[in-house]
Protein backbone atom coordinates (compact mmCIF):
# COMPACT_ATOMS: atom_id res chain seq x y z
CA MET A 1 0.99 39.49 -16.57
CA ASN A 2 3.73 36.26 -15.20
CA LYS A 3 7.25 37.32 -16.06
CA PRO A 4 9.27 36.05 -18.80
CA MET A 5 11.15 33.16 -18.38
CA GLN A 6 14.74 32.05 -19.55
CA ARG A 7 15.10 27.58 -19.69
CA VAL A 8 19.02 26.26 -19.64
CA VAL A 9 19.12 23.16 -20.64
CA THR A 10 22.52 21.03 -20.46
CA GLY A 11 25.07 18.34 -22.06
CA HIS A 12 28.32 18.28 -22.84
CA ASN A 13 31.17 18.53 -25.12
CA ALA A 14 33.92 16.63 -27.16
CA ASP A 15 35.77 16.43 -23.84
CA GLY A 16 32.65 14.71 -21.45
CA LYS A 17 32.47 18.11 -19.49
CA ALA A 18 29.19 19.35 -18.33
CA ILE A 19 28.11 22.38 -20.74
CA VAL A 20 24.84 25.05 -21.25
CA THR A 21 23.46 23.73 -24.86
CA HIS A 22 20.34 25.51 -24.83
CA GLU A 23 19.76 29.09 -22.77
CA GLY A 24 17.64 31.42 -23.68
CA ALA A 25 13.05 31.77 -23.97
CA PRO A 26 12.04 28.55 -24.73
CA PRO A 27 11.89 28.20 -28.83
CA THR A 28 8.04 26.59 -28.46
CA ILE A 29 5.85 29.51 -27.18
CA LEU A 30 2.57 28.79 -28.06
CA SER A 31 -0.60 31.17 -27.65
CA LEU A 32 -4.00 29.70 -28.03
CA GLU A 33 -6.41 31.57 -29.85
CA SER A 34 -9.23 29.41 -29.08
CA ILE A 35 -8.78 30.07 -25.15
CA PRO A 36 -7.37 33.93 -25.09
CA GLY A 37 -4.53 34.08 -22.36
CA THR A 38 -4.06 30.41 -21.97
CA VAL A 39 -0.37 30.41 -23.35
CA PHE A 40 1.83 27.00 -23.74
CA TYR A 41 5.77 27.27 -23.15
CA GLU A 42 6.79 24.13 -23.95
CA LEU A 43 10.98 23.25 -21.84
CA TRP A 44 11.84 19.54 -22.89
CA SER A 45 10.19 15.85 -23.95
CA THR A 46 11.28 12.24 -23.91
CA ASN A 47 10.32 9.69 -26.30
CA SER A 48 11.22 6.34 -23.61
CA THR A 49 12.01 4.92 -20.45
CA PRO A 50 14.98 5.21 -19.67
CA VAL A 51 15.27 8.00 -20.94
CA ILE A 52 18.66 8.14 -23.72
CA VAL A 53 21.10 10.87 -22.19
CA ASP A 54 22.94 12.78 -25.74
CA ASN A 55 23.36 16.32 -26.95
CA GLY A 56 20.67 15.47 -29.49
CA ILE A 57 17.82 17.53 -31.09
CA ASP A 58 16.02 19.75 -28.87
CA PRO A 59 12.81 17.60 -28.88
CA THR A 60 10.32 21.35 -28.38
CA LEU A 61 10.49 21.93 -32.04
CA GLN A 62 8.69 19.86 -33.16
CA PRO A 63 4.71 21.14 -32.84
CA LEU A 64 2.94 20.98 -29.68
CA CYS A 65 1.16 17.71 -28.12
CA LEU A 66 -0.46 18.08 -24.99
CA PRO A 67 0.17 13.98 -23.30
CA PRO A 68 3.55 12.98 -23.62
CA PRO A 69 4.87 11.15 -26.10
CA ALA A 70 4.03 6.71 -25.58
CA GLY A 71 6.73 5.67 -22.62
CA GLY A 72 8.28 9.49 -22.32
CA THR A 73 7.54 12.88 -20.24
CA ARG A 74 7.08 16.11 -21.23
CA VAL A 75 6.86 19.43 -18.99
CA ARG A 76 5.96 22.18 -19.47
CA ILE A 77 4.74 25.65 -18.16
CA VAL A 78 1.29 26.91 -19.02
CA ASP A 79 -0.20 30.37 -18.07
CA ILE A 80 -4.04 30.15 -17.20
CA PRO A 81 -5.73 33.31 -17.32
CA PRO A 82 -9.45 34.07 -15.10
CA ASP A 83 -12.74 32.78 -16.57
CA THR A 84 -14.93 35.29 -18.71
CA GLN A 85 -18.63 34.55 -17.82
CA GLU A 86 -18.54 34.52 -21.46
CA PHE A 87 -15.69 31.76 -21.87
CA LEU A 88 -17.90 29.83 -19.48
CA ARG A 89 -21.50 30.29 -21.30
CA ASP A 90 -20.04 29.28 -24.55
CA GLY A 91 -16.29 27.80 -23.79
CA SER A 92 -17.81 24.43 -24.19
CA LYS A 93 -18.47 25.32 -28.01
CA ALA A 94 -14.50 26.08 -28.78
CA MET A 95 -13.10 22.94 -27.15
CA LYS A 96 -12.04 20.68 -30.10
CA ALA A 97 -10.57 23.70 -31.14
CA ALA A 98 -8.50 24.48 -28.48
CA PHE A 99 -7.74 20.91 -27.57
CA GLY A 100 -6.87 20.61 -32.34
CA GLU A 101 -4.33 23.09 -31.36
CA ILE A 102 -2.75 21.41 -28.59
CA GLY A 103 -2.72 18.61 -30.74
CA ASP A 104 -4.76 16.50 -28.91
CA VAL A 105 -8.21 16.48 -29.50
CA SER A 106 -10.00 13.77 -27.89
CA ALA A 107 -8.68 14.23 -24.63
CA SER A 108 -11.39 17.35 -23.78
CA THR A 109 -14.92 15.52 -22.22
CA VAL A 110 -16.33 18.30 -22.81
CA ALA A 111 -20.33 16.95 -22.02
CA ALA A 112 -23.39 19.26 -21.77
CA ASP A 113 -23.79 18.13 -17.95
CA SER A 114 -19.24 19.30 -17.80
CA PRO A 115 -19.25 21.30 -14.56
CA HIS A 116 -16.17 23.20 -16.96
CA PRO A 117 -15.73 23.79 -20.23
CA LEU A 118 -12.09 22.85 -20.42
CA MET A 119 -13.46 19.15 -19.08
CA HIS A 120 -10.53 16.81 -20.36
CA ARG A 121 -8.29 13.80 -19.41
CA THR A 122 -5.40 12.58 -20.98
CA GLU A 123 -3.25 8.63 -20.30
CA SER A 124 -0.53 9.92 -18.34
CA VAL A 125 0.44 11.20 -14.51
CA ASP A 126 0.65 14.50 -14.17
CA TYR A 127 2.93 16.60 -11.63
CA GLY A 128 1.36 19.54 -11.69
CA PHE A 129 3.04 22.91 -9.39
CA VAL A 130 1.25 26.17 -8.89
CA LEU A 131 4.25 28.80 -9.52
CA SER A 132 1.93 31.44 -9.43
CA GLY A 133 -1.66 32.66 -9.48
CA GLU A 134 -4.05 30.54 -8.02
CA ILE A 135 -6.41 27.52 -9.57
CA VAL A 136 -9.50 25.91 -8.75
CA LEU A 137 -8.66 21.46 -10.12
CA VAL A 138 -12.63 20.78 -10.48
CA LEU A 139 -13.37 16.94 -11.01
CA ASP A 140 -16.77 15.34 -11.56
CA THR A 141 -17.84 15.79 -8.33
CA GLU A 142 -15.70 18.13 -6.70
CA GLU A 143 -13.03 20.93 -6.38
CA ARG A 144 -10.02 22.07 -4.42
CA LEU A 145 -8.30 25.49 -4.29
CA LEU A 146 -4.69 25.20 -5.39
CA ARG A 147 -2.15 28.23 -4.36
CA GLN A 148 0.92 29.29 -5.22
CA GLY A 149 3.43 26.17 -4.06
CA ASP A 150 0.87 23.76 -3.55
CA VAL A 151 1.38 20.69 -5.49
CA VAL A 152 -1.41 18.10 -7.16
CA ILE A 153 -0.73 14.37 -9.02
CA GLN A 154 -2.96 14.11 -11.59
CA ARG A 155 -3.20 10.16 -12.33
CA GLY A 156 -5.86 10.30 -14.97
CA THR A 157 -8.84 11.33 -13.94
CA ASN A 158 -10.96 13.73 -15.59
CA HIS A 159 -10.58 17.06 -14.69
CA ALA A 160 -10.52 20.97 -15.59
CA TRP A 161 -8.18 23.42 -14.22
CA ALA A 162 -10.63 27.24 -13.54
CA ASN A 163 -9.41 29.94 -12.62
CA ARG A 164 -11.43 31.88 -10.51
CA GLY A 165 -9.19 34.68 -9.92
CA ALA A 166 -8.76 37.71 -10.77
CA VAL A 167 -5.16 37.31 -11.81
CA THR A 168 -3.49 34.69 -14.45
CA CYS A 169 -2.41 31.74 -12.37
CA ARG A 170 1.47 29.96 -14.03
CA MET A 171 1.57 26.07 -13.33
CA ALA A 172 4.68 23.95 -13.92
CA PHE A 173 3.44 20.57 -15.02
CA VAL A 174 5.86 16.86 -15.20
CA LEU A 175 3.46 14.72 -17.20
CA ILE A 176 4.63 10.80 -17.81
CA ASP A 177 3.00 8.21 -20.31
CA GLY A 178 0.76 6.16 -18.94
CA LYS A 179 -2.02 2.92 -18.91
CA TYR A 180 -4.78 3.54 -17.39
CA ALA A 181 -5.82 0.19 -15.40
CA ALA A 182 -8.61 -1.59 -16.29
CA GLU A 183 -11.64 -0.39 -13.93
CA ILE A 184 -10.66 3.29 -14.53
CA LYS A 185 -10.21 2.35 -18.39
CA PRO A 186 -12.96 4.85 -20.38
CA GLY A 187 -15.73 2.52 -21.63
CA HIS A 188 -15.84 1.12 -18.29
CA GLY A 189 -18.31 3.15 -16.22
CA VAL A 190 -15.44 6.03 -15.93
CA SER A 191 -15.55 9.31 -18.41
């Protein structure tokens, strides 16, 4: 079991001095009903780049959405539980519901021949950091084991996260909105 986290967000007071504007548990924490044990902790998001630095409202106080906003970024932590035999056998049936819970049904790419039920793809560059545990990055034709301290740079590829261990893996993700290059767009021989 991963320990609870504290989120500290800074800003400025009326005199322009640096202050803490938000402190405590992330306000948006979503435990997926379709994949028990999977928990999303929304930490922050931006709506454009360059980022407008202000003392605006907390952008995580809206419904959870998997990809970043158009032209924006998203940072979150995700707890990924160990795969069960039942999930590996029947999980693909729950993927529309699971990705619906995180605001992007179209991200799921699972098919009858998929190497894992969680196969998905987003039009973004994602930096993934393994904070605790270990996880297997599953791609269309190969896999890589990632351990605590490892980093993956996900560049719009079809992938899944397989937890073949005995403990929940905690990962931090920074997602940056992107556009597929013509040669890797869906429908051009790339799933």
